[in-house]
C-alpha atoms as a PDB file:
ATOM      1  CA  MET A   1      17.013   3.365  11.515  1.00  0.00           C
ATOM      2  CA  THR A   2      15.187   0.475  13.196  1.00  0.00           C
ATOM      3  CA  ARG A   3      13.029  -2.024  11.322  1.00  0.00           C
ATOM      4  CA  GLN A   4       9.843  -0.332  12.543  1.00  0.00           C
ATOM      5  CA  GLU A   5      11.164   3.089  11.515  1.00  0.00           C
ATOM      6  CA  ALA A   6      12.034   1.684   8.081  1.00  0.00           C
ATOM      7  CA  ILE A   7       8.503   0.298   7.740  1.00  0.00           C
ATOM      8  CA  GLN A   8       6.942   3.600   8.772  1.00  0.00           C
ATOM      9  CA  HIS A   9       9.245   5.453   6.366  1.00  0.00           C
ATOM     10  CA  GLN A  10       8.117   3.200   3.521  1.00  0.00           C
ATOM     11  CA  ILE A  11       4.429   3.624   4.397  1.00  0.00           C
ATOM     12  CA  ASP A  12       4.788   7.412   4.626  1.00  0.00           C
ATOM     13  CA  GLU A  13       6.599   7.593   1.267  1.00  0.00           C
ATOM     14  CA  ILE A  14       3.984   5.481  -0.467  1.00  0.00           C
ATOM     15  CA  MET A  15       1.069   7.384   1.065  1.00  0.00           C
ATOM     16  CA  ASP A  16       2.689  10.692   0.039  1.00  0.00           C
ATOM     17  CA  THR A  17       3.470   9.698  -3.553  1.00  0.00           C
ATOM     18  CA  PHE A  18       0.903   7.143  -4.713  1.00  0.00           C
ATOM     19  CA  ASP A  19      -1.695   8.737  -6.996  1.00  0.00           C
ATOM     20  CA  PHE A  20      -4.909   7.946  -5.126  1.00  0.00           C
ATOM     21  CA  GLU A  21      -6.839  10.500  -7.203  1.00  0.00           C
ATOM     22  CA  GLU A  22      -5.939   8.507 -10.312  1.00  0.00           C
ATOM     23  CA  VAL A  23      -7.112   5.289  -8.641  1.00  0.00           C
ATOM     24  CA  HIS A  24     -10.411   6.993  -7.808  1.00  0.00           C
ATOM     25  CA  SER A  25     -10.795   8.302 -11.373  1.00  0.00           C
ATOM     26  CA  TRP A  26     -10.090   4.862 -12.767  1.00  0.00           C
ATOM     27  CA  MET A  27     -12.590   3.280 -10.371  1.00  0.00           C
ATOM     28  CA  VAL A  28     -15.267   5.815 -11.383  1.00  0.00           C
ATOM     29  CA  HIS A  29     -14.531   5.323 -15.088  1.00  0.00           C
ATOM     30  CA  SER A  30     -14.690   1.522 -14.821  1.00  0.00           C
ATOM     31  CA  ASN A  31     -17.514   1.546 -12.236  1.00  0.00           C
ATOM     32  CA  TRP A  32     -15.349  -0.512  -9.867  1.00  0.00           C
ATOM     33  CA  THR A  33     -17.368  -0.712  -6.665  1.00  0.00           C
ATOM     34  CA  TRP A  34     -16.620  -2.021  -3.217  1.00  0.00           C
ATOM     35  CA  GLY A  35     -19.420  -3.913  -1.485  1.00  0.00           C
ATOM     36  CA  ASN A  36     -20.821  -3.373   1.999  1.00  0.00           C
ATOM     37  CA  MET A  37     -19.963   0.317   2.142  1.00  0.00           C
ATOM     38  CA  ASP A  38     -22.747   1.990   4.103  1.00  0.00           C
ATOM     39  CA  GLY A  39     -24.865  -1.043   3.222  1.00  0.00           C
ATOM     40  CA  GLN A  40     -24.416  -0.704  -0.527  1.00  0.00           C
ATOM     41  CA  ALA A  41     -21.933  -1.367  -3.306  1.00  0.00           C
ATOM     42  CA  ARG A  42     -20.441   1.899  -4.556  1.00  0.00           C
ATOM     43  CA  VAL A  43     -17.216   3.488  -5.759  1.00  0.00           C
ATOM     44  CA  PRO A  44     -15.290   4.555  -2.637  1.00  0.00           C
ATOM     45  CA  ASP A  45     -14.147   8.137  -2.223  1.00  0.00           C
ATOM     46  CA  VAL A  46     -10.447   9.066  -2.145  1.00  0.00           C
ATOM     47  CA  TYR A  47     -10.359   9.070   1.665  1.00  0.00           C
ATOM     48  CA  GLU A  48     -11.709   5.486   1.788  1.00  0.00           C
ATOM     49  CA  ILE A  49      -9.258   4.412  -0.906  1.00  0.00           C
ATOM     50  CA  ARG A  50      -6.361   5.887   1.107  1.00  0.00           C
ATOM     51  CA  GLN A  51      -7.593   4.158   4.279  1.00  0.00           C
ATOM     52  CA  SER A  52      -7.715   0.812   2.521  1.00  0.00           C
ATOM     53  CA  ALA A  53      -4.225   1.289   1.065  1.00  0.00           C
ATOM     54  CA  ARG A  54      -2.767   2.185   4.474  1.00  0.00           C
ATOM     55  CA  GLU A  55      -4.387  -0.907   6.017  1.00  0.00           C
ATOM     56  CA  ARG A  56      -2.975  -3.109   3.252  1.00  0.00           C
ATOM     57  CA  LEU A  57       0.516  -1.685   3.882  1.00  0.00           C
ATOM     58  CA  LYS A  58       0.259  -2.198   7.652  1.00  0.00           C
ATOM     59  CA  GLN A  59      -0.989  -5.742   7.201  1.00  0.00           C
ATOM     60  CA  ALA A  60       1.759  -6.539   4.691  1.00  0.00           C
ATOM     61  CA  ALA A  61       4.349  -5.151   7.127  1.00  0.00           C
ATOM     62  CA  ALA A  62       3.017  -7.560   9.766  1.00  0.00           C
ATOM     63  CA  THR A  63       2.412 -10.651   7.620  1.00  0.00           C
ATOM     64  CA  GLY A  64       4.320 -10.142   4.369  1.00  0.00           C
ATOM     65  CA  TYR A  65       1.268  -9.795   2.102  1.00  0.00           C
ATOM     66  CA  SER A  66      -2.189  -8.218   1.974  1.00  0.00           C
ATOM     67  CA  CYS A  67      -4.707  -8.004  -0.840  1.00  0.00           C
ATOM     68  CA  THR A  68      -8.269  -6.673  -1.107  1.00  0.00           C
ATOM     69  CA  GLY A  69     -10.370  -4.178  -3.056  1.00  0.00           C
ATOM     70  CA  GLY A  70      -7.894  -4.005  -5.922  1.00  0.00           C
ATOM     71  CA  PHE A  71      -4.905  -3.225  -3.700  1.00  0.00           C
ATOM     72  CA  THR A  72      -2.022  -5.609  -3.175  1.00  0.00           C
ATOM     73  CA  ALA A  73       0.748  -4.835  -0.684  1.00  0.00           C
ATOM     74  CA  VAL A  74       3.876  -6.953  -0.306  1.00  0.00           C
ATOM     75  CA  LEU A  75       6.815  -6.738   2.095  1.00  0.00           C
ATOM     76  CA  VAL A  76      10.204  -7.924   0.844  1.00  0.00           C
ATOM     77  CA  GLU A  77      13.093  -8.209   3.325  1.00  0.00           C
ATOM     78  CA  ASP A  78      16.648  -9.283   2.726  1.00  0.00           C
ATOM     79  CA  GLU A  79      20.196  -8.544   3.781  1.00  0.00           C
ATOM     80  CA  ASP A  80      23.237  -7.496   1.772  1.00  0.00           C
ATOM     81  CA  GLU A  81      26.769  -6.253   2.546  1.00  0.00           C
ATOM     82  CA  ASP A  82      25.253  -3.042   4.012  1.00  0.00           C
ATOM     83  CA  GLY A  83      22.960  -4.989   6.336  1.00  0.00           C
ATOM     84  CA  PRO A  84      19.236  -5.740   6.392  1.00  0.00           C
ATOM     85  CA  TRP A  85      16.815  -3.849   4.158  1.00  0.00           C
ATOM     86  CA  LEU A  86      13.129  -3.912   3.400  1.00  0.00           C
ATOM     87  CA  LYS A  87      10.797  -2.785   0.671  1.00  0.00           C
ATOM     88  CA  LEU A  88       7.026  -2.352   0.749  1.00  0.00           C
ATOM     89  CA  ASP A  89       5.207  -2.484  -2.587  1.00  0.00           C
ATOM     90  CA  LEU A  90       1.681  -1.183  -3.156  1.00  0.00           C
ATOM     91  CA  HIS A  91      -0.144  -2.123  -6.332  1.00  0.00           C
ATOM     92  CA  PHE A  92      -3.576  -1.215  -7.664  1.00  0.00           C
ATOM     93  CA  GLY A  93      -4.618  -2.233 -11.146  1.00  0.00           C
ATOM     94  CA  LEU A  94      -1.781  -1.062 -13.387  1.00  0.00           C
ATOM     95  CA  MET A  95      -0.129   1.309 -10.874  1.00  0.00           C
ATOM     96  CA  THR A  96       2.851   0.246  -8.761  1.00  0.00           C
ATOM     97  CA  ILE A  97       5.303   2.163  -6.579  1.00  0.00           C
ATOM     98  CA  ASN A  98       8.261   0.638  -4.793  1.00  0.00           C
ATOM     99  CA  ASP A  99      11.565   1.487  -3.193  1.00  0.00           C
ATOM    100  CA  GLY A 100      13.856  -0.070  -0.575  1.00  0.00           C
ATOM    101  CA  THR A 101      15.102   1.304   2.740  1.00  0.00           C
ATOM    102  CA  SER A 102      18.081   0.057   4.792  1.00  0.00           C
ATOM    103  CA  TYR A 103      17.788  -0.258   8.566  1.00  0.00           C
ATOM    104  CA  LYS A 104      19.889  -1.385  11.520  1.00  0.00           C
ATOM    105  CA  LYS A 105      19.072  -4.461  13.581  1.00  0.00           C
END
């Protein structure tokens, strides 16, 4: 697996398993709004929440870190006896999911 394939694998796994419905419910319950959405501050829908999360993950993959709207994404890379590996983390409020994936240089 190449580095880019490992990144895409991580993004796909997170997007498939992160509980975006729960994020939306929490945002509704706490009245957490995002500004400048259609010209007004409002709670985003699940689709918009997913879009923002994916953008955070892509930006973290490119720069190492991305944070906005309650989401924080971080890329960690290292190397061990099996070779290089990477891990993308996505965090919103109290929810975090993470895992590592090995890849070949």
